[in-house]
């Protein structure tokens, strides 16, 4: 896959990139308005990570930690 700088993209791609940016901004604002428990409940799917695991990941996100550091800490504990 070739990665190009934004200004090298064809003009018809720019509106799609702008739309994706708006969706990302809206999703980020929505996540920032939720508690870690609310985020976990919204993300939970049967067979996936537990609510407690998802809540820890959400707490780490809100504190600016990477998901990798939370996973490593969970393995050590």
PDB file of N, CA and C in Angstrom:
ATOM      1  N   UNK A   1       0.841  -1.177   0.000  1.00  0.00           N
ATOM      2  CA  UNK A   1       0.000   0.000   0.000  1.00  0.00           C
ATOM      3  C   UNK A   1       0.882   1.235   0.000  1.00  0.00           C
ATOM      4  N   UNK A   2       0.568   2.157  -0.870  1.00  0.00           N
ATOM      5  CA  UNK A   2       1.334   3.388  -0.977  1.00  0.00           C
ATOM      6  C   UNK A   2       0.723   4.434  -0.054  1.00  0.00           C
ATOM      7  N   UNK A   3       1.542   5.036   0.773  1.00  0.00           N
ATOM      8  CA  UNK A   3       1.087   6.100   1.664  1.00  0.00           C
ATOM      9  C   UNK A   3       1.523   7.426   1.061  1.00  0.00           C
ATOM     10  N   UNK A   4       0.554   8.313   0.875  1.00  0.00           N
ATOM     11  CA  UNK A   4       0.851   9.623   0.292  1.00  0.00           C
ATOM     12  C   UNK A   4       0.549  10.721   1.292  1.00  0.00           C
ATOM     13  N   UNK A   5       1.181  11.835   1.102  1.00  0.00           N
ATOM     14  CA  UNK A   5       0.854  13.012   1.910  1.00  0.00           C
ATOM     15  C   UNK A   5      -0.517  13.524   1.484  1.00  0.00           C
ATOM     16  N   UNK A   6      -1.197  14.201   2.395  1.00  0.00           N
ATOM     17  CA  UNK A   6      -2.549  14.680   2.131  1.00  0.00           C
ATOM     18  C   UNK A   6      -2.610  15.552   0.885  1.00  0.00           C
ATOM     19  N   UNK A   7      -1.659  16.430   0.711  1.00  0.00           N
ATOM     20  CA  UNK A   7      -1.729  17.330  -0.451  1.00  0.00           C
ATOM     21  C   UNK A   7      -1.449  16.612  -1.768  1.00  0.00           C
ATOM     22  N   UNK A   8      -0.967  15.373  -1.708  1.00  0.00           N
ATOM     23  CA  UNK A   8      -0.733  14.611  -2.932  1.00  0.00           C
ATOM     24  C   UNK A   8      -1.945  13.771  -3.320  1.00  0.00           C
ATOM     25  N   UNK A   9      -2.953  13.729  -2.477  1.00  0.00           N
ATOM     26  CA  UNK A   9      -4.137  12.952  -2.797  1.00  0.00           C
ATOM     27  C   UNK A   9      -4.941  13.659  -3.880  1.00  0.00           C
ATOM     28  N   UNK A  10      -5.686  12.902  -4.655  1.00  0.00           N
ATOM     29  CA  UNK A  10      -6.511  13.544  -5.674  1.00  0.00           C
ATOM     30  C   UNK A  10      -7.572  14.419  -5.020  1.00  0.00           C
ATOM     31  N   UNK A  11      -7.968  15.493  -5.646  1.00  0.00           N
ATOM     32  CA  UNK A  11      -8.933  16.416  -5.056  1.00  0.00           C
ATOM     33  C   UNK A  11     -10.239  15.746  -4.648  1.00  0.00           C
ATOM     34  N   UNK A  12     -10.664  14.719  -5.375  1.00  0.00           N
ATOM     35  CA  UNK A  12     -11.929  14.062  -5.040  1.00  0.00           C
ATOM     36  C   UNK A  12     -11.858  13.269  -3.730  1.00  0.00           C
ATOM     37  N   UNK A  13     -10.651  13.011  -3.215  1.00  0.00           N
ATOM     38  CA  UNK A  13     -10.504  12.288  -1.950  1.00  0.00           C
ATOM     39  C   UNK A  13     -10.680  13.204  -0.741  1.00  0.00           C
ATOM     40  N   UNK A  14     -10.446  14.482  -0.917  1.00  0.00           N
ATOM     41  CA  UNK A  14     -10.464  15.414   0.222  1.00  0.00           C
ATOM     42  C   UNK A  14     -11.795  15.469   0.955  1.00  0.00           C
ATOM     43  N   UNK A  15     -12.946  15.517   0.264  1.00  0.00           N
ATOM     44  CA  UNK A  15     -14.214  15.544   1.011  1.00  0.00           C
ATOM     45  C   UNK A  15     -14.430  14.280   1.843  1.00  0.00           C
ATOM     46  N   UNK A  16     -13.951  13.149   1.342  1.00  0.00           N
ATOM     47  CA  UNK A  16     -14.110  11.889   2.072  1.00  0.00           C
ATOM     48  C   UNK A  16     -13.230  11.881   3.329  1.00  0.00           C
ATOM     49  N   UNK A  17     -12.050  12.416   3.198  1.00  0.00           N
ATOM     50  CA  UNK A  17     -11.152  12.505   4.352  1.00  0.00           C
ATOM     51  C   UNK A  17     -11.726  13.469   5.381  1.00  0.00           C
ATOM     52  N   UNK A  18     -12.268  14.589   4.925  1.00  0.00           N
ATOM     53  CA  UNK A  18     -12.892  15.549   5.847  1.00  0.00           C
ATOM     54  C   UNK A  18     -14.077  14.916   6.560  1.00  0.00           C
ATOM     55  N   UNK A  19     -14.881  14.137   5.836  1.00  0.00           N
ATOM     56  CA  UNK A  19     -16.033  13.472   6.449  1.00  0.00           C
ATOM     57  C   UNK A  19     -15.574  12.458   7.501  1.00  0.00           C
ATOM     58  N   UNK A  20     -14.518  11.722   7.197  1.00  0.00           N
ATOM     59  CA  UNK A  20     -13.976  10.764   8.162  1.00  0.00           C
ATOM     60  C   UNK A  20     -13.475  11.490   9.402  1.00  0.00           C
ATOM     61  N   UNK A  21     -12.863  12.645   9.213  1.00  0.00           N
ATOM     62  CA  UNK A  21     -12.396  13.439  10.350  1.00  0.00           C
ATOM     63  C   UNK A  21     -13.544  13.903  11.225  1.00  0.00           C
ATOM     64  N   UNK A  22     -14.660  14.277  10.609  1.00  0.00           N
ATOM     65  CA  UNK A  22     -15.828  14.697  11.390  1.00  0.00           C
ATOM     66  C   UNK A  22     -16.396  13.530  12.190  1.00  0.00           C
ATOM     67  N   UNK A  23     -16.459  12.350  11.581  1.00  0.00           N
ATOM     68  CA  UNK A  23     -16.955  11.162  12.285  1.00  0.00           C
ATOM     69  C   UNK A  23     -16.044  10.841  13.468  1.00  0.00           C
ATOM     70  N   UNK A  24     -14.740  10.895  13.255  1.00  0.00           N
ATOM     71  CA  UNK A  24     -13.790  10.623  14.324  1.00  0.00           C
ATOM     72  C   UNK A  24     -13.920  11.639  15.454  1.00  0.00           C
ATOM     73  N   UNK A  25     -14.074  12.915  15.110  1.00  0.00           N
ATOM     74  CA  UNK A  25     -14.231  13.956  16.128  1.00  0.00           C
ATOM     75  C   UNK A  25     -15.513  13.750  16.933  1.00  0.00           C
ATOM     76  N   UNK A  26     -16.600  13.378  16.249  1.00  0.00           N
ATOM     77  CA  UNK A  26     -17.864  13.133  16.941  1.00  0.00           C
ATOM     78  C   UNK A  26     -17.757  11.935  17.884  1.00  0.00           C
ATOM     79  N   UNK A  27     -17.131  10.869  17.418  1.00  0.00           N
ATOM     80  CA  UNK A  27     -16.963   9.680  18.252  1.00  0.00           C
ATOM     81  C   UNK A  27     -16.089   9.980  19.465  1.00  0.00           C
ATOM     82  N   UNK A  28     -15.030  10.752  19.266  1.00  0.00           N
ATOM     83  CA  UNK A  28     -14.147  11.123  20.373  1.00  0.00           C
ATOM     84  C   UNK A  28     -14.891  11.971  21.392  1.00  0.00           C
ATOM     85  N   UNK A  29     -15.681  12.924  20.923  1.00  0.00           N
ATOM     86  CA  UNK A  29     -16.464  13.763  21.841  1.00  0.00           C
ATOM     87  C   UNK A  29     -17.460  12.921  22.622  1.00  0.00           C
ATOM     88  N   UNK A  30     -18.071  11.974  21.932  1.00  0.00           N
ATOM     89  CA  UNK A  30     -19.041  11.096  22.624  1.00  0.00           C
ATOM     90  C   UNK A  30     -18.354  10.258  23.690  1.00  0.00           C
ATOM     91  N   UNK A  31     -17.198   9.671  23.361  1.00  0.00           N
ATOM     92  CA  UNK A  31     -16.450   8.884  24.349  1.00  0.00           C
ATOM     93  C   UNK A  31     -16.023   9.743  25.535  1.00  0.00           C
ATOM     94  N   UNK A  32     -15.604  10.972  25.260  1.00  0.00           N
ATOM     95  CA  UNK A  32     -15.153  11.859  26.333  1.00  0.00           C
ATOM     96  C   UNK A  32     -16.280  12.264  27.267  1.00  0.00           C
ATOM     97  N   UNK A  33     -17.522  12.132  26.822  1.00  0.00           N
ATOM     98  CA  UNK A  33     -18.659  12.491  27.670  1.00  0.00           C
ATOM     99  C   UNK A  33     -19.170  11.308  28.487  1.00  0.00           C
ATOM    100  N   UNK A  34     -18.578  10.136  28.290  1.00  0.00           N
ATOM    101  CA  UNK A  34     -19.045   8.920  28.972  1.00  0.00           C
ATOM    102  C   UNK A  34     -18.093   8.518  30.089  1.00  0.00           C
ATOM    103  N   UNK A  35     -18.642   7.827  31.083  1.00  0.00           N
ATOM    104  CA  UNK A  35     -17.813   7.262  32.151  1.00  0.00           C
ATOM    105  C   UNK A  35     -17.152   5.988  31.627  1.00  0.00           C
ATOM    106  N   UNK A  36     -16.077   5.534  32.288  1.00  0.00           N
ATOM    107  CA  UNK A  36     -15.459   4.277  31.855  1.00  0.00           C
ATOM    108  C   UNK A  36     -16.453   3.110  31.846  1.00  0.00           C
ATOM    109  N   UNK A  37     -17.368   3.078  32.807  1.00  0.00           N
ATOM    110  CA  UNK A  37     -18.353   1.993  32.852  1.00  0.00           C
ATOM    111  C   UNK A  37     -19.308   2.081  31.653  1.00  0.00           C
ATOM    112  N   UNK A  38     -19.736   3.295  31.310  1.00  0.00           N
ATOM    113  CA  UNK A  38     -20.623   3.469  30.160  1.00  0.00           C
ATOM    114  C   UNK A  38     -19.925   3.052  28.865  1.00  0.00           C
ATOM    115  N   UNK A  39     -18.644   3.383  28.747  1.00  0.00           N
ATOM    116  CA  UNK A  39     -17.874   2.987  27.565  1.00  0.00           C
ATOM    117  C   UNK A  39     -17.788   1.468  27.495  1.00  0.00           C
ATOM    118  N   UNK A  40     -17.509   0.840  28.635  1.00  0.00           N
ATOM    119  CA  UNK A  40     -17.402  -0.620  28.682  1.00  0.00           C
ATOM    120  C   UNK A  40     -18.720  -1.274  28.294  1.00  0.00           C
ATOM    121  N   UNK A  41     -19.816  -0.758  28.819  1.00  0.00           N
ATOM    122  CA  UNK A  41     -21.125  -1.331  28.503  1.00  0.00           C
ATOM    123  C   UNK A  41     -21.462  -1.156  27.020  1.00  0.00           C
ATOM    124  N   UNK A  42     -21.089  -0.027  26.443  1.00  0.00           N
ATOM    125  CA  UNK A  42     -21.353   0.202  25.024  1.00  0.00           C
ATOM    126  C   UNK A  42     -20.490  -0.698  24.145  1.00  0.00           C
ATOM    127  N   UNK A  43     -19.288  -1.028  24.606  1.00  0.00           N
ATOM    128  CA  UNK A  43     -18.351  -1.817  23.806  1.00  0.00           C
ATOM    129  C   UNK A  43     -18.510  -3.317  24.003  1.00  0.00           C
ATOM    130  N   UNK A  44     -19.187  -3.732  25.056  1.00  0.00           N
ATOM    131  CA  UNK A  44     -19.263  -5.153  25.393  1.00  0.00           C
ATOM    132  C   UNK A  44     -20.001  -5.967  24.344  1.00  0.00           C
ATOM    133  N   UNK A  45     -19.404  -7.093  23.983  1.00  0.00           N
ATOM    134  CA  UNK A  45     -20.070  -8.096  23.159  1.00  0.00           C
ATOM    135  C   UNK A  45     -19.792  -9.454  23.776  1.00  0.00           C
ATOM    136  N   UNK A  46     -20.809 -10.320  23.872  1.00  0.00           N
ATOM    137  CA  UNK A  46     -20.588 -11.646  24.445  1.00  0.00           C
ATOM    138  C   UNK A  46     -19.466 -12.383  23.718  1.00  0.00           C
ATOM    139  N   UNK A  47     -18.620 -13.031  24.475  1.00  0.00           N
ATOM    140  CA  UNK A  47     -17.496 -13.763  23.912  1.00  0.00           C
ATOM    141  C   UNK A  47     -16.233 -12.936  23.782  1.00  0.00           C
ATOM    142  N   UNK A  48     -16.355 -11.630  24.001  1.00  0.00           N
ATOM    143  CA  UNK A  48     -15.197 -10.742  23.936  1.00  0.00           C
ATOM    144  C   UNK A  48     -14.658 -10.474  25.330  1.00  0.00           C
ATOM    145  N   UNK A  49     -13.885  -9.407  25.477  1.00  0.00           N
ATOM    146  CA  UNK A  49     -13.367  -9.053  26.800  1.00  0.00           C
ATOM    147  C   UNK A  49     -14.515  -8.794  27.780  1.00  0.00           C
ATOM    148  N   UNK A  50     -14.252  -9.030  29.057  1.00  0.00           N
ATOM    149  CA  UNK A  50     -15.268  -8.814  30.091  1.00  0.00           C
ATOM    150  C   UNK A  50     -15.520  -7.320  30.281  1.00  0.00           C
ATOM    151  N   UNK A  51     -16.635  -7.001  30.943  1.00  0.00           N
ATOM    152  CA  UNK A  51     -16.931  -5.606  31.259  1.00  0.00           C
ATOM    153  C   UNK A  51     -15.812  -4.991  32.086  1.00  0.00           C
ATOM    154  N   UNK A  52     -15.256  -5.767  33.017  1.00  0.00           N
ATOM    155  CA  UNK A  52     -14.182  -5.253  33.862  1.00  0.00           C
ATOM    156  C   UNK A  52     -12.934  -4.931  33.040  1.00  0.00           C
ATOM    157  N   UNK A  53     -12.589  -5.802  32.091  1.00  0.00           N
ATOM    158  CA  UNK A  53     -11.438  -5.545  31.233  1.00  0.00           C
ATOM    159  C   UNK A  53     -11.669  -4.305  30.368  1.00  0.00           C
ATOM    160  N   UNK A  54     -12.854  -4.205  29.808  1.00  0.00           N
ATOM    161  CA  UNK A  54     -13.170  -3.044  28.975  1.00  0.00           C
ATOM    162  C   UNK A  54     -13.153  -1.757  29.789  1.00  0.00           C
ATOM    163  N   UNK A  55     -13.632  -1.846  31.026  1.00  0.00           N
ATOM    164  CA  UNK A  55     -13.633  -0.664  31.889  1.00  0.00           C
ATOM    165  C   UNK A  55     -12.204  -0.222  32.208  1.00  0.00           C
ATOM    166  N   UNK A  56     -11.314  -1.177  32.445  1.00  0.00           N
ATOM    167  CA  UNK A  56      -9.908  -0.832  32.692  1.00  0.00           C
ATOM    168  C   UNK A  56      -9.280  -0.170  31.461  1.00  0.00           C
ATOM    169  N   UNK A  57      -9.606  -0.686  30.282  1.00  0.00           N
ATOM    170  CA  UNK A  57      -9.089  -0.075  29.053  1.00  0.00           C
ATOM    171  C   UNK A  57      -9.625   1.347  28.889  1.00  0.00           C
ATOM    172  N   UNK A  58     -10.913   1.545  29.204  1.00  0.00           N
ATOM    173  CA  UNK A  58     -11.502   2.880  29.096  1.00  0.00           C
ATOM    174  C   UNK A  58     -10.864   3.833  30.101  1.00  0.00           C
ATOM    175  N   UNK A  59     -10.615   3.360  31.312  1.00  0.00           N
ATOM    176  CA  UNK A  59      -9.947   4.197  32.317  1.00  0.00           C
ATOM    177  C   UNK A  59      -8.553   4.582  31.841  1.00  0.00           C
ATOM    178  N   UNK A  60      -7.832   3.628  31.271  1.00  0.00           N
ATOM    179  CA  UNK A  60      -6.477   3.898  30.775  1.00  0.00           C
ATOM    180  C   UNK A  60      -6.524   4.936  29.657  1.00  0.00           C
ATOM    181  N   UNK A  61      -7.509   4.822  28.778  1.00  0.00           N
ATOM    182  CA  UNK A  61      -7.647   5.800  27.688  1.00  0.00           C
ATOM    183  C   UNK A  61      -7.878   7.190  28.243  1.00  0.00           C
ATOM    184  N   UNK A  62      -8.733   7.291  29.234  1.00  0.00           N
ATOM    185  CA  UNK A  62      -9.032   8.593  29.819  1.00  0.00           C
ATOM    186  C   UNK A  62      -7.822   9.182  30.554  1.00  0.00           C
ATOM    187  N   UNK A  63      -6.936   8.315  31.034  1.00  0.00           N
ATOM    188  CA  UNK A  63      -5.733   8.788  31.726  1.00  0.00           C
ATOM    189  C   UNK A  63      -4.556   8.954  30.767  1.00  0.00           C
ATOM    190  N   UNK A  64      -4.792   8.683  29.481  1.00  0.00           N
ATOM    191  CA  UNK A  64      -3.748   8.878  28.486  1.00  0.00           C
ATOM    192  C   UNK A  64      -2.746   7.751  28.394  1.00  0.00           C
ATOM    193  N   UNK A  65      -3.055   6.603  28.975  1.00  0.00           N
ATOM    194  CA  UNK A  65      -2.155   5.462  28.889  1.00  0.00           C
ATOM    195  C   UNK A  65      -2.441   4.688  27.608  1.00  0.00           C
ATOM    196  N   UNK A  66      -1.447   3.980  27.141  1.00  0.00           N
ATOM    197  CA  UNK A  66      -1.661   3.161  25.953  1.00  0.00           C
ATOM    198  C   UNK A  66      -2.309   1.843  26.360  1.00  0.00           C
ATOM    199  N   UNK A  67      -3.028   1.258  25.430  1.00  0.00           N
ATOM    200  CA  UNK A  67      -3.665  -0.034  25.687  1.00  0.00           C
ATOM    201  C   UNK A  67      -2.598  -1.085  25.947  1.00  0.00           C
ATOM    202  N   UNK A  68      -1.474  -0.987  25.265  1.00  0.00           N
ATOM    203  CA  UNK A  68      -0.395  -1.959  25.443  1.00  0.00           C
ATOM    204  C   UNK A  68       0.114  -1.951  26.881  1.00  0.00           C
ATOM    205  N   UNK A  69       0.277  -0.768  27.495  1.00  0.00           N
ATOM    206  CA  UNK A  69       0.778  -0.719  28.858  1.00  0.00           C
ATOM    207  C   UNK A  69      -0.217  -1.327  29.843  1.00  0.00           C
ATOM    208  N   UNK A  70      -1.509  -1.180  29.565  1.00  0.00           N
ATOM    209  CA  UNK A  70      -2.541  -1.784  30.425  1.00  0.00           C
ATOM    210  C   UNK A  70      -2.515  -3.292  30.284  1.00  0.00           C
ATOM    211  N   UNK A  71      -2.343  -3.785  29.069  1.00  0.00           N
ATOM    212  CA  UNK A  71      -2.292  -5.236  28.841  1.00  0.00           C
ATOM    213  C   UNK A  71      -1.086  -5.839  29.525  1.00  0.00           C
ATOM    214  N   UNK A  72       0.052  -5.183  29.455  1.00  0.00           N
ATOM    215  CA  UNK A  72       1.267  -5.685  30.107  1.00  0.00           C
ATOM    216  C   UNK A  72       1.074  -5.698  31.624  1.00  0.00           C
ATOM    217  N   UNK A  73       0.492  -4.641  32.168  1.00  0.00           N
ATOM    218  CA  UNK A  73       0.267  -4.573  33.615  1.00  0.00           C
ATOM    219  C   UNK A  73      -0.685  -5.667  34.063  1.00  0.00           C
ATOM    220  N   UNK A  74      -1.692  -5.989  33.258  1.00  0.00           N
ATOM    221  CA  UNK A  74      -2.643  -7.045  33.601  1.00  0.00           C
ATOM    222  C   UNK A  74      -1.968  -8.409  33.599  1.00  0.00           C
ATOM    223  N   UNK A  75      -1.022  -8.619  32.683  1.00  0.00           N
ATOM    224  CA  UNK A  75      -0.311  -9.891  32.629  1.00  0.00           C
ATOM    225  C   UNK A  75       0.598 -10.079  33.834  1.00  0.00           C
ATOM    226  N   UNK A  76       1.181  -8.980  34.309  1.00  0.00           N
ATOM    227  CA  UNK A  76       2.101  -9.039  35.448  1.00  0.00           C
ATOM    228  C   UNK A  76       1.327  -9.283  36.734  1.00  0.00           C
ATOM    229  N   UNK A  77       0.136  -8.707  36.846  1.00  0.00           N
ATOM    230  CA  UNK A  77      -0.657  -8.803  38.086  1.00  0.00           C
ATOM    231  C   UNK A  77      -1.190 -10.189  38.306  1.00  0.00           C
TER     232      UNK A  77
END
